Amino acid sequence: MNILFICNQNQNRSKTAEEIFKGRFKTKSAGLYATKPVTEKQLSWADVIVVMEEMQRIEIAKRFPKQYMQKRILSLDIPDVYHYNQPELIEALKSKIDSLF
Protein backbone atom coordinates (compact mmCIF):
# COMPACT_ATOMS: atom_id res chain seq x y z
CA MET A 1 0.00 0.00 0.00
CA ASN A 2 1.31 3.45 -0.96
CA ILE A 3 0.84 6.01 1.80
CA LEU A 4 1.58 9.71 1.43
CA PHE A 5 1.99 11.54 4.74
CA ILE A 6 1.33 15.27 4.61
CA CYS A 7 1.93 18.05 7.12
CA ASN A 8 2.66 21.76 6.77
CA GLN A 9 6.41 21.90 6.02
CA ASN A 10 7.38 18.21 5.70
CA GLN A 11 10.03 18.66 8.37
CA ASN A 12 8.76 16.93 11.49
CA ARG A 13 5.49 15.01 11.52
CA SER A 14 5.17 13.70 7.96
CA LYS A 15 8.92 13.15 7.60
CA THR A 16 8.96 11.11 10.83
CA ALA A 17 5.92 9.09 9.69
CA GLU A 18 7.55 8.35 6.33
CA GLU A 19 10.61 6.98 8.10
CA ILE A 20 8.95 4.88 10.79
CA PHE A 21 6.39 3.21 8.50
CA LYS A 22 8.58 2.57 5.44
CA GLY A 23 9.07 -1.08 6.43
CA ARG A 24 5.33 -1.64 6.73
CA PHE A 25 4.10 0.37 3.72
CA LYS A 26 5.52 2.15 0.68
CA THR A 27 5.78 5.66 2.07
CA LYS A 28 6.47 9.19 0.92
CA SER A 29 5.98 12.52 2.64
CA ALA A 30 5.22 16.06 1.56
CA GLY A 31 4.33 19.46 2.90
CA LEU A 32 1.55 21.80 1.90
CA TYR A 33 3.58 24.95 2.57
CA ALA A 34 7.10 23.60 1.96
CA THR A 35 9.61 25.07 -0.48
CA LYS A 36 8.47 22.36 -2.89
CA PRO A 37 4.79 21.80 -1.96
CA VAL A 38 2.92 18.55 -2.51
CA THR A 39 2.15 17.85 -6.17
CA GLU A 40 -0.69 16.26 -8.09
CA LYS A 41 1.74 13.48 -9.07
CA GLN A 42 2.46 12.66 -5.42
CA LEU A 43 -1.24 12.55 -4.59
CA SER A 44 -1.90 10.31 -7.60
CA TRP A 45 0.83 7.88 -6.45
CA ALA A 46 -0.81 7.35 -3.07
CA ASP A 47 -3.42 4.73 -2.27
CA VAL A 48 -4.07 6.56 1.01
CA ILE A 49 -3.22 10.11 2.01
CA VAL A 50 -2.63 10.74 5.69
CA VAL A 51 -2.75 14.33 6.94
CA MET A 52 -1.70 15.38 10.41
CA GLU A 53 -4.50 17.94 10.92
CA GLU A 54 -7.99 18.39 9.51
CA MET A 55 -7.14 21.79 8.01
CA GLN A 56 -4.63 20.04 5.74
CA ARG A 57 -7.44 17.88 4.34
CA ILE A 58 -9.39 21.08 3.59
CA GLU A 59 -6.37 22.62 1.84
CA ILE A 60 -5.93 19.50 -0.33
CA ALA A 61 -9.61 19.75 -1.31
CA LYS A 62 -9.08 23.37 -2.41
CA ARG A 63 -5.85 22.76 -4.34
CA PHE A 64 -6.59 19.34 -5.82
CA PRO A 65 -10.38 18.79 -5.99
CA LYS A 66 -10.15 15.91 -8.46
CA GLN A 67 -7.64 13.90 -6.41
CA TYR A 68 -9.49 14.80 -3.22
CA MET A 69 -12.64 13.11 -4.48
CA GLN A 70 -10.75 10.01 -5.67
CA LYS A 71 -8.57 9.34 -2.63
CA ARG A 72 -9.03 8.05 0.88
CA ILE A 73 -7.73 10.84 3.11
CA LEU A 74 -7.28 10.18 6.81
CA SER A 75 -6.55 12.77 9.49
CA LEU A 76 -4.45 11.77 12.49
CA ASP A 77 -5.21 14.92 14.52
CA ILE A 78 -1.57 15.37 15.59
CA PRO A 79 -0.75 19.02 16.31
CA ASP A 80 2.40 20.77 15.11
CA VAL A 81 4.19 20.72 18.47
CA TYR A 82 6.77 17.99 17.85
CA HIS A 83 10.31 17.78 16.52
CA TYR A 84 11.56 15.29 13.92
CA ASN A 85 11.77 11.76 15.41
CA GLN A 86 10.70 12.97 18.86
CA PRO A 87 9.74 9.88 20.94
CA GLU A 88 6.31 11.32 21.81
CA LEU A 89 5.63 11.96 18.11
CA ILE A 90 6.65 8.43 17.17
CA GLU A 91 4.38 7.03 19.89
CA ALA A 92 1.43 9.16 18.71
CA LEU A 93 1.97 8.19 15.06
CA LYS A 94 2.22 4.47 15.81
CA SER A 95 -0.87 4.54 18.00
CA LYS A 96 -2.98 6.39 15.41
CA ILE A 97 -1.78 4.32 12.41
CA ASP A 98 -2.26 1.04 14.28
CA SER A 99 -5.88 1.99 15.00
CA LEU A 100 -6.49 2.85 11.31
CA PHE A 101 -4.78 -0.12 9.66
PDB file of N, CA and C in Angstrom:
ATOM      1  N   MET A   1       0.836  -1.178   0.000  1.00  0.00           N
ATOM      2  CA  MET A   1       0.000   0.000   0.000  1.00  0.00           C
ATOM      3  C   MET A   1       0.886   1.247   0.000  1.00  0.00           C
ATOM      4  N   ASN A   2       0.573   2.186  -0.873  1.00  0.00           N
ATOM      5  CA  ASN A   2       1.310   3.453  -0.959  1.00  0.00           C
ATOM      6  C   ASN A   2       0.634   4.488  -0.071  1.00  0.00           C
ATOM      7  N   ILE A   3       1.379   5.003   0.901  1.00  0.00           N
ATOM      8  CA  ILE A   3       0.838   6.015   1.802  1.00  0.00           C
ATOM      9  C   ILE A   3       1.664   7.287   1.687  1.00  0.00           C
ATOM     10  N   LEU A   4       0.960   8.387   1.465  1.00  0.00           N
ATOM     11  CA  LEU A   4       1.582   9.708   1.426  1.00  0.00           C
ATOM     12  C   LEU A   4       1.206  10.442   2.703  1.00  0.00           C
ATOM     13  N   PHE A   5       2.208  10.789   3.500  1.00  0.00           N
ATOM     14  CA  PHE A   5       1.990  11.537   4.738  1.00  0.00           C
ATOM     15  C   PHE A   5       2.199  13.022   4.445  1.00  0.00           C
ATOM     16  N   ILE A   6       1.266  13.839   4.891  1.00  0.00           N
ATOM     17  CA  ILE A   6       1.331  15.274   4.614  1.00  0.00           C
ATOM     18  C   ILE A   6       1.191  16.066   5.909  1.00  0.00           C
ATOM     19  N   CYS A   7       2.071  17.057   6.060  1.00  0.00           N
ATOM     20  CA  CYS A   7       1.925  18.054   7.121  1.00  0.00           C
ATOM     21  C   CYS A   7       2.195  19.422   6.496  1.00  0.00           C
ATOM     22  N   ASN A   8       2.494  20.404   7.305  1.00  0.00           N
ATOM     23  CA  ASN A   8       2.662  21.761   6.765  1.00  0.00           C
ATOM     24  C   ASN A   8       3.967  21.933   5.989  1.00  0.00           C
ATOM     25  N   GLN A   9       5.095  21.639   6.619  1.00  0.00           N
ATOM     26  CA  GLN A   9       6.406  21.904   6.021  1.00  0.00           C
ATOM     27  C   GLN A   9       7.173  20.651   5.607  1.00  0.00           C
ATOM     28  N   ASN A  10       6.675  19.476   5.956  1.00  0.00           N
ATOM     29  CA  ASN A  10       7.382  18.213   5.703  1.00  0.00           C
ATOM     30  C   ASN A  10       8.752  18.208   6.381  1.00  0.00           C
ATOM     31  N   GLN A  11       8.778  18.664   7.619  1.00  0.00           N
ATOM     32  CA  GLN A  11      10.032  18.661   8.370  1.00  0.00           C
ATOM     33  C   GLN A  11       9.965  17.746   9.580  1.00  0.00           C
ATOM     34  N   ASN A  12       8.835  17.680  10.242  1.00  0.00           N
ATOM     35  CA  ASN A  12       8.759  16.932  11.490  1.00  0.00           C
ATOM     36  C   ASN A  12       7.775  15.771  11.443  1.00  0.00           C
ATOM     37  N   ARG A  13       6.496  16.064  11.411  1.00  0.00           N
ATOM     38  CA  ARG A  13       5.491  15.006  11.522  1.00  0.00           C
ATOM     39  C   ARG A  13       5.468  14.064  10.327  1.00  0.00           C
ATOM     40  N   SER A  14       5.278  14.588   9.123  1.00  0.00           N
ATOM     41  CA  SER A  14       5.174  13.699   7.955  1.00  0.00           C
ATOM     42  C   SER A  14       6.501  13.026   7.640  1.00  0.00           C
ATOM     43  N   LYS A  15       7.596  13.730   7.845  1.00  0.00           N
ATOM     44  CA  LYS A  15       8.921  13.150   7.598  1.00  0.00           C
ATOM     45  C   LYS A  15       9.182  11.994   8.570  1.00  0.00           C
ATOM     46  N   THR A  16       8.812  12.176   9.836  1.00  0.00           N
ATOM     47  CA  THR A  16       8.957  11.105  10.831  1.00  0.00           C
ATOM     48  C   THR A  16       8.083   9.920  10.453  1.00  0.00           C
ATOM     49  N   ALA A  17       6.840  10.175  10.068  1.00  0.00           N
ATOM     50  CA  ALA A  17       5.922   9.090   9.687  1.00  0.00           C
ATOM     51  C   ALA A  17       6.454   8.315   8.488  1.00  0.00           C
ATOM     52  N   GLU A  18       6.979   9.027   7.498  1.00  0.00           N
ATOM     53  CA  GLU A  18       7.551   8.352   6.326  1.00  0.00           C
ATOM     54  C   GLU A  18       8.644   7.380   6.755  1.00  0.00           C
ATOM     55  N   GLU A  19       9.496   7.810   7.645  1.00  0.00           N
ATOM     56  CA  GLU A  19      10.612   6.981   8.103  1.00  0.00           C
ATOM     57  C   GLU A  19      10.146   5.770   8.907  1.00  0.00           C
ATOM     58  N   ILE A  20       9.270   5.990   9.880  1.00  0.00           N
ATOM     59  CA  ILE A  20       8.954   4.875  10.789  1.00  0.00           C
ATOM     60  C   ILE A  20       8.034   3.823  10.170  1.00  0.00           C
ATOM     61  N   PHE A  21       7.299   4.186   9.117  1.00  0.00           N
ATOM     62  CA  PHE A  21       6.388   3.206   8.502  1.00  0.00           C
ATOM     63  C   PHE A  21       6.882   2.653   7.168  1.00  0.00           C
ATOM     64  N   LYS A  22       8.105   3.005   6.760  1.00  0.00           N
ATOM     65  CA  LYS A  22       8.578   2.566   5.441  1.00  0.00           C
ATOM     66  C   LYS A  22       8.803   1.061   5.353  1.00  0.00           C
ATOM     67  N   GLY A  23       8.950   0.373   6.464  1.00  0.00           N
ATOM     68  CA  GLY A  23       9.066  -1.082   6.430  1.00  0.00           C
ATOM     69  C   GLY A  23       7.724  -1.777   6.326  1.00  0.00           C
ATOM     70  N   ARG A  24       6.678  -1.072   6.696  1.00  0.00           N
ATOM     71  CA  ARG A  24       5.330  -1.642   6.728  1.00  0.00           C
ATOM     72  C   ARG A  24       4.518  -1.294   5.473  1.00  0.00           C
ATOM     73  N   PHE A  25       4.773  -0.112   4.913  1.00  0.00           N
ATOM     74  CA  PHE A  25       4.097   0.375   3.715  1.00  0.00           C
ATOM     75  C   PHE A  25       5.128   0.991   2.779  1.00  0.00           C
ATOM     76  N   LYS A  26       4.703   1.298   1.558  1.00  0.00           N
ATOM     77  CA  LYS A  26       5.521   2.148   0.682  1.00  0.00           C
ATOM     78  C   LYS A  26       5.140   3.575   1.048  1.00  0.00           C
ATOM     79  N   THR A  27       6.106   4.343   1.538  1.00  0.00           N
ATOM     80  CA  THR A  27       5.777   5.663   2.074  1.00  0.00           C
ATOM     81  C   THR A  27       6.531   6.786   1.383  1.00  0.00           C
ATOM     82  N   LYS A  28       5.864   7.928   1.343  1.00  0.00           N
ATOM     83  CA  LYS A  28       6.467   9.191   0.925  1.00  0.00           C
ATOM     84  C   LYS A  28       5.882  10.260   1.829  1.00  0.00           C
ATOM     85  N   SER A  29       6.522  11.420   1.860  1.00  0.00           N
ATOM     86  CA  SER A  29       5.976  12.523   2.644  1.00  0.00           C
ATOM     87  C   SER A  29       6.090  13.815   1.853  1.00  0.00           C
ATOM     88  N   ALA A  30       5.241  14.769   2.232  1.00  0.00           N
ATOM     89  CA  ALA A  30       5.223  16.064   1.555  1.00  0.00           C
ATOM     90  C   ALA A  30       4.646  17.102   2.501  1.00  0.00           C
ATOM     91  N   GLY A  31       4.879  18.349   2.134  1.00  0.00           N
ATOM     92  CA  GLY A  31       4.333  19.460   2.902  1.00  0.00           C
ATOM     93  C   GLY A  31       3.452  20.335   2.038  1.00  0.00           C
ATOM     94  N   LEU A  32       2.441  20.903   2.643  1.00  0.00           N
ATOM     95  CA  LEU A  32       1.550  21.803   1.903  1.00  0.00           C
ATOM     96  C   LEU A  32       2.180  23.169   1.687  1.00  0.00           C
ATOM     97  N   TYR A  33       3.010  23.605   2.636  1.00  0.00           N
ATOM     98  CA  TYR A  33       3.583  24.947   2.568  1.00  0.00           C
ATOM     99  C   TYR A  33       5.106  24.897   2.507  1.00  0.00           C
ATOM    100  N   ALA A  34       5.649  23.788   2.062  1.00  0.00           N
ATOM    101  CA  ALA A  34       7.098  23.600   1.964  1.00  0.00           C
ATOM    102  C   ALA A  34       7.640  24.361   0.756  1.00  0.00           C
ATOM    103  N   THR A  35       8.962  24.438   0.665  1.00  0.00           N
ATOM    104  CA  THR A  35       9.608  25.075  -0.480  1.00  0.00           C
ATOM    105  C   THR A  35       9.128  24.431  -1.780  1.00  0.00           C
ATOM    106  N   LYS A  36       9.043  23.102  -1.761  1.00  0.00           N
ATOM    107  CA  LYS A  36       8.469  22.360  -2.888  1.00  0.00           C
ATOM    108  C   LYS A  36       7.192  21.698  -2.368  1.00  0.00           C
ATOM    109  N   PRO A  37       6.032  22.355  -2.524  1.00  0.00           N
ATOM    110  CA  PRO A  37       4.792  21.801  -1.962  1.00  0.00           C
ATOM    111  C   PRO A  37       4.336  20.528  -2.670  1.00  0.00           C
ATOM    112  N   VAL A  38       3.464  19.802  -1.986  1.00  0.00           N
ATOM    113  CA  VAL A  38       2.922  18.551  -2.512  1.00  0.00           C
ATOM    114  C   VAL A  38       2.382  18.768  -3.928  1.00  0.00           C
ATOM    115  N   THR A  39       2.555  17.748  -4.762  1.00  0.00           N
ATOM    116  CA  THR A  39       2.151  17.847  -6.167  1.00  0.00           C
ATOM    117  C   THR A  39       1.003  16.888  -6.481  1.00  0.00           C
ATOM    118  N   GLU A  40       0.368  17.147  -7.602  1.00  0.00           N
ATOM    119  CA  GLU A  40      -0.685  16.259  -8.090  1.00  0.00           C
ATOM    120  C   GLU A  40      -0.125  14.854  -8.325  1.00  0.00           C
ATOM    121  N   LYS A  41       1.096  14.773  -8.818  1.00  0.00           N
ATOM    122  CA  LYS A  41       1.738  13.476  -9.070  1.00  0.00           C
ATOM    123  C   LYS A  41       1.899  12.678  -7.772  1.00  0.00           C
ATOM    124  N   GLN A  42       2.312  13.346  -6.702  1.00  0.00           N
ATOM    125  CA  GLN A  42       2.462  12.656  -5.418  1.00  0.00           C
ATOM    126  C   GLN A  42       1.110  12.149  -4.915  1.00  0.00           C
ATOM    127  N   LEU A  43       0.087  12.970  -5.027  1.00  0.00           N
ATOM    128  CA  LEU A  43      -1.241  12.551  -4.592  1.00  0.00           C
ATOM    129  C   LEU A  43      -1.735  11.369  -5.424  1.00  0.00           C
ATOM    130  N   SER A  44      -1.479  11.400  -6.716  1.00  0.00           N
ATOM    131  CA  SER A  44      -1.905  10.307  -7.604  1.00  0.00           C
ATOM    132  C   SER A  44      -1.207   9.001  -7.264  1.00  0.00           C
ATOM    133  N   TRP A  45       0.054   9.072  -6.822  1.00  0.00           N
ATOM    134  CA  TRP A  45       0.830   7.879  -6.446  1.00  0.00           C
ATOM    135  C   TRP A  45       0.211   7.156  -5.256  1.00  0.00           C
ATOM    136  N   ALA A  46      -0.361   7.908  -4.345  1.00  0.00           N
ATOM    137  CA  ALA A  46      -0.811   7.350  -3.069  1.00  0.00           C
ATOM    138  C   ALA A  46      -2.113   6.570  -3.175  1.00  0.00           C
ATOM    139  N   ASP A  47      -2.162   5.442  -2.466  1.00  0.00           N
ATOM    140  CA  ASP A  47      -3.423   4.725  -2.269  1.00  0.00           C
ATOM    141  C   ASP A  47      -4.214   5.407  -1.152  1.00  0.00           C
ATOM    142  N   VAL A  48      -3.481   5.869  -0.136  1.00  0.00           N
ATOM    143  CA  VAL A  48      -4.070   6.557   1.010  1.00  0.00           C
ATOM    144  C   VAL A  48      -3.229   7.786   1.301  1.00  0.00           C
ATOM    145  N   ILE A  49      -3.894   8.883   1.603  1.00  0.00           N
ATOM    146  CA  ILE A  49      -3.216  10.111   2.006  1.00  0.00           C
ATOM    147  C   ILE A  49      -3.519  10.322   3.480  1.00  0.00           C
ATOM    148  N   VAL A  50      -2.460  10.532   4.256  1.00  0.00           N
ATOM    149  CA  VAL A  50      -2.629  10.744   5.690  1.00  0.00           C
ATOM    150  C   VAL A  50      -2.160  12.153   6.023  1.00  0.00           C
ATOM    151  N   VAL A  51      -3.091  12.974   6.510  1.00  0.00           N
ATOM    152  CA  VAL A  51      -2.751  14.330   6.940  1.00  0.00           C
ATOM    153  C   VAL A  51      -2.647  14.338   8.458  1.00  0.00           C
ATOM    154  N   MET A  52      -1.899  15.300   8.965  1.00  0.00           N
ATOM    155  CA  MET A  52      -1.703  15.384  10.410  1.00  0.00           C
ATOM    156  C   MET A  52      -2.808  16.174  11.097  1.00  0.00           C
ATOM    157  N   GLU A  53      -3.429  17.109  10.355  1.00  0.00           N
ATOM    158  CA  GLU A  53      -4.496  17.937  10.922  1.00  0.00           C
ATOM    159  C   GLU A  53      -5.614  18.100   9.898  1.00  0.00           C
ATOM    160  N   GLU A  54      -6.820  18.285  10.380  1.00  0.00           N
ATOM    161  CA  GLU A  54      -7.988  18.393   9.511  1.00  0.00           C
ATOM    162  C   GLU A  54      -7.876  19.547   8.516  1.00  0.00           C
ATOM    163  N   MET A  55      -7.263  20.651   8.927  1.00  0.00           N
ATOM    164  CA  MET A  55      -7.139  21.793   8.008  1.00  0.00           C
ATOM    165  C   MET A  55      -6.293  21.441   6.789  1.00  0.00           C
ATOM    166  N   GLN A  56      -5.426  20.462   6.899  1.00  0.00           N
ATOM    167  CA  GLN A  56      -4.633  20.038   5.742  1.00  0.00           C
ATOM    168  C   GLN A  56      -5.513  19.297   4.732  1.00  0.00           C
ATOM    169  N   ARG A  57      -6.475  18.552   5.229  1.00  0.00           N
ATOM    170  CA  ARG A  57      -7.440  17.880   4.335  1.00  0.00           C
ATOM    171  C   ARG A  57      -8.215  18.942   3.551  1.00  0.00           C
ATOM    172  N   ILE A  58      -8.639  19.997   4.221  1.00  0.00           N
ATOM    173  CA  ILE A  58      -9.391  21.084   3.586  1.00  0.00           C
ATOM    174  C   ILE A  58      -8.544  21.767   2.510  1.00  0.00           C
ATOM    175  N   GLU A  59      -7.271  21.974   2.811  1.00  0.00           N
ATOM    176  CA  GLU A  59      -6.370  22.616   1.841  1.00  0.00           C
ATOM    177  C   GLU A  59      -6.165  21.729   0.608  1.00  0.00           C
ATOM    178  N   ILE A  60      -6.059  20.428   0.805  1.00  0.00           N
ATOM    179  CA  ILE A  60      -5.928  19.500  -0.331  1.00  0.00           C
ATOM    180  C   ILE A  60      -7.189  19.576  -1.202  1.00  0.00           C
ATOM    181  N   ALA A  61      -8.348  19.647  -0.558  1.00  0.00           N
ATOM    182  CA  ALA A  61      -9.608  19.749  -1.310  1.00  0.00           C
ATOM    183  C   ALA A  61      -9.632  21.013  -2.169  1.00  0.00           C
ATOM    184  N   LYS A  62      -9.107  22.110  -1.659  1.00  0.00           N
ATOM    185  CA  LYS A  62      -9.077  23.368  -2.410  1.00  0.00           C
ATOM    186  C   LYS A  62      -8.093  23.300  -3.574  1.00  0.00           C
ATOM    187  N   ARG A  63      -6.904  22.768  -3.317  1.00  0.00           N
ATOM    188  CA  ARG A  63      -5.853  22.759  -4.344  1.00  0.00           C
ATOM    189  C   ARG A  63      -6.029  21.664  -5.381  1.00  0.00           C
ATOM    190  N   PHE A  64      -6.521  20.517  -4.944  1.00  0.00           N
ATOM    191  CA  PHE A  64      -6.591  19.338  -5.822  1.00  0.00           C
ATOM    192  C   PHE A  64      -7.974  18.684  -5.721  1.00  0.00           C
ATOM    193  N   PRO A  65      -9.024  19.347  -6.177  1.00  0.00           N
ATOM    194  CA  PRO A  65     -10.381  18.795  -5.991  1.00  0.00           C
ATOM    195  C   PRO A  65     -10.585  17.424  -6.631  1.00  0.00           C
ATOM    196  N   LYS A  66      -9.977  17.201  -7.781  1.00  0.00           N
ATOM    197  CA  LYS A  66     -10.153  15.908  -8.459  1.00  0.00           C
ATOM    198  C   LYS A  66      -9.546  14.773  -7.629  1.00  0.00           C
ATOM    199  N   GLN A  67      -8.300  14.936  -7.199  1.00  0.00           N
ATOM    200  CA  GLN A  67      -7.644  13.902  -6.406  1.00  0.00           C
ATOM    201  C   GLN A  67      -8.338  13.739  -5.052  1.00  0.00           C
ATOM    202  N   TYR A  68      -8.807  14.851  -4.507  1.00  0.00           N
ATOM    203  CA  TYR A  68      -9.489  14.797  -3.217  1.00  0.00           C
ATOM    204  C   TYR A  68     -10.695  13.863  -3.269  1.00  0.00           C
ATOM    205  N   MET A  69     -11.435  13.941  -4.346  1.00  0.00           N
ATOM    206  CA  MET A  69     -12.635  13.109  -4.482  1.00  0.00           C
ATOM    207  C   MET A  69     -12.301  11.640  -4.748  1.00  0.00           C
ATOM    208  N   GLN A  70     -11.121  11.378  -5.280  1.00  0.00           N
ATOM    209  CA  GLN A  70     -10.753  10.010  -5.666  1.00  0.00           C
ATOM    210  C   GLN A  70      -9.968   9.262  -4.597  1.00  0.00           C
ATOM    211  N   LYS A  71      -9.481   9.959  -3.596  1.00  0.00           N
ATOM    212  CA  LYS A  71      -8.566   9.345  -2.625  1.00  0.00           C
ATOM    213  C   LYS A  71      -9.186   9.199  -1.252  1.00  0.00           C
ATOM    214  N   ARG A  72      -8.705   8.203  -0.542  1.00  0.00           N
ATOM    215  CA  ARG A  72      -9.030   8.052   0.876  1.00  0.00           C
ATOM    216  C   ARG A  72      -8.048   8.933   1.634  1.00  0.00           C
ATOM    217  N   ILE A  73      -8.566   9.911   2.366  1.00  0.00           N
ATOM    218  CA  ILE A  73      -7.725  10.840   3.107  1.00  0.00           C
ATOM    219  C   ILE A  73      -8.085  10.730   4.584  1.00  0.00           C
ATOM    220  N   LEU A  74      -7.085  10.373   5.376  1.00  0.00           N
ATOM    221  CA  LEU A  74      -7.282  10.184   6.808  1.00  0.00           C
ATOM    222  C   LEU A  74      -6.556  11.276   7.576  1.00  0.00           C
ATOM    223  N   SER A  75      -7.185  11.757   8.643  1.00  0.00           N
ATOM    224  CA  SER A  75      -6.555  12.766   9.492  1.00  0.00           C
ATOM    225  C   SER A  75      -6.181  12.141  10.827  1.00  0.00           C
ATOM    226  N   LEU A  76      -4.928  12.342  11.233  1.00  0.00           N
ATOM    227  CA  LEU A  76      -4.452  11.771  12.493  1.00  0.00           C
ATOM    228  C   LEU A  76      -4.683  12.691  13.686  1.00  0.00           C
ATOM    229  N   ASP A  77      -4.986  13.962  13.443  1.00  0.00           N
ATOM    230  CA  ASP A  77      -5.208  14.925  14.522  1.00  0.00           C
ATOM    231  C   ASP A  77      -3.989  15.008  15.454  1.00  0.00           C
ATOM    232  N   ILE A  78      -2.816  15.196  14.838  1.00  0.00           N
ATOM    233  CA  ILE A  78      -1.572  15.366  15.591  1.00  0.00           C
ATOM    234  C   ILE A  78      -1.108  16.803  15.392  1.00  0.00           C
ATOM    235  N   PRO A  79      -1.101  17.603  16.448  1.00  0.00           N
ATOM    236  CA  PRO A  79      -0.749  19.022  16.313  1.00  0.00           C
ATOM    237  C   PRO A  79       0.736  19.229  15.995  1.00  0.00           C
ATOM    238  N   ASP A  80       1.034  20.422  15.510  1.00  0.00           N
ATOM    239  CA  ASP A  80       2.403  20.766  15.106  1.00  0.00           C
ATOM    240  C   ASP A  80       3.210  21.260  16.306  1.00  0.00           C
ATOM    241  N   VAL A  81       3.449  20.360  17.248  1.00  0.00           N
ATOM    242  CA  VAL A  81       4.186  20.718  18.468  1.00  0.00           C
ATOM    243  C   VAL A  81       5.396  19.814  18.692  1.00  0.00           C
ATOM    244  N   TYR A  82       5.709  18.979  17.701  1.00  0.00           N
ATOM    245  CA  TYR A  82       6.771  17.990  17.853  1.00  0.00           C
ATOM    246  C   TYR A  82       7.966  18.297  16.955  1.00  0.00           C
ATOM    247  N   HIS A  83       9.095  17.705  17.330  1.00  0.00           N
ATOM    248  CA  HIS A  83      10.305  17.776  16.520  1.00  0.00           C
ATOM    249  C   HIS A  83      10.452  16.470  15.754  1.00  0.00           C
ATOM    250  N   TYR A  84      11.290  16.481  14.730  1.00  0.00           N
ATOM    251  CA  TYR A  84      11.563  15.288  13.923  1.00  0.00           C
ATOM    252  C   TYR A  84      12.046  14.149  14.815  1.00  0.00           C
ATOM    253  N   ASN A  85      11.428  12.988  14.674  1.00  0.00           N
ATOM    254  CA  ASN A  85      11.771  11.762  15.407  1.00  0.00           C
ATOM    255  C   ASN A  85      11.668  11.881  16.925  1.00  0.00           C
ATOM    256  N   GLN A  86      10.915  12.835  17.419  1.00  0.00           N
ATOM    257  CA  GLN A  86      10.696  12.971  18.863  1.00  0.00           C
ATOM    258  C   GLN A  86       9.941  11.732  19.354  1.00  0.00           C
ATOM    259  N   PRO A  87      10.390  11.125  20.459  1.00  0.00           N
ATOM    260  CA  PRO A  87       9.745   9.885  20.935  1.00  0.00           C
ATOM    261  C   PRO A  87       8.226  10.013  21.115  1.00  0.00           C
ATOM    262  N   GLU A  88       7.749  11.135  21.620  1.00  0.00           N
ATOM    263  CA  GLU A  88       6.308  11.319  21.807  1.00  0.00           C
ATOM    264  C   GLU A  88       5.578  11.369  20.466  1.00  0.00           C
ATOM    265  N   LEU A  89       6.215  11.939  19.452  1.00  0.00           N
ATOM    266  CA  LEU A  89       5.631  11.964  18.114  1.00  0.00           C
ATOM    267  C   LEU A  89       5.558  10.556  17.547  1.00  0.00           C
ATOM    268  N   ILE A  90       6.629   9.812  17.673  1.00  0.00           N
ATOM    269  CA  ILE A  90       6.653   8.427  17.171  1.00  0.00           C
ATOM    270  C   ILE A  90       5.561   7.608  17.842  1.00  0.00           C
ATOM    271  N   GLU A  91       5.414   7.760  19.143  1.00  0.00           N
ATOM    272  CA  GLU A  91       4.385   7.027  19.885  1.00  0.00           C
ATOM    273  C   GLU A  91       2.984   7.403  19.395  1.00  0.00           C
ATOM    274  N   ALA A  92       2.747   8.697  19.200  1.00  0.00           N
ATOM    275  CA  ALA A  92       1.434   9.159  18.712  1.00  0.00           C
ATOM    276  C   ALA A  92       1.151   8.628  17.309  1.00  0.00           C
ATOM    277  N   LEU A  93       2.148   8.691  16.426  1.00  0.00           N
ATOM    278  CA  LEU A  93       1.974   8.194  15.060  1.00  0.00           C
ATOM    279  C   LEU A  93       1.662   6.702  15.047  1.00  0.00           C
ATOM    280  N   LYS A  94       2.433   5.924  15.792  1.00  0.00           N
ATOM    281  CA  LYS A  94       2.221   4.468  15.811  1.00  0.00           C
ATOM    282  C   LYS A  94       0.841   4.120  16.357  1.00  0.00           C
ATOM    283  N   SER A  95       0.429   4.791  17.404  1.00  0.00           N
ATOM    284  CA  SER A  95      -0.875   4.540  18.000  1.00  0.00           C
ATOM    285  C   SER A  95      -1.997   4.841  17.015  1.00  0.00           C
ATOM    286  N   LYS A  96      -1.919   5.979  16.340  1.00  0.00           N
ATOM    287  CA  LYS A  96      -2.980   6.387  15.406  1.00  0.00           C
ATOM    288  C   LYS A  96      -3.003   5.486  14.166  1.00  0.00           C
ATOM    289  N   ILE A  97      -1.833   5.176  13.615  1.00  0.00           N
ATOM    290  CA  ILE A  97      -1.783   4.324  12.412  1.00  0.00           C
ATOM    291  C   ILE A  97      -2.241   2.909  12.735  1.00  0.00           C
ATOM    292  N   ASP A  98      -1.829   2.388  13.899  1.00  0.00           N
ATOM    293  CA  ASP A  98      -2.264   1.037  14.284  1.00  0.00           C
ATOM    294  C   ASP A  98      -3.787   0.958  14.398  1.00  0.00           C
ATOM    295  N   SER A  99      -4.421   2.022  14.862  1.00  0.00           N
ATOM    296  CA  SER A  99      -5.878   1.988  15.004  1.00  0.00           C
ATOM    297  C   SER A  99      -6.584   2.104  13.642  1.00  0.00           C
ATOM    298  N   LEU A 100      -5.885   2.683  12.638  1.00  0.00           N
ATOM    299  CA  LEU A 100      -6.488   2.848  11.311  1.00  0.00           C
ATOM    300  C   LEU A 100      -6.260   1.661  10.390  1.00  0.00           C
ATOM    301  N   PHE A 101      -5.123   0.982  10.556  1.00  0.00           N
ATOM    302  CA  PHE A 101      -4.784  -0.120   9.655  1.00  0.00           C
ATOM    303  C   PHE A 101      -4.673  -1.401  10.443  1.00  0.00           C
TER     304      PHE A 101
END
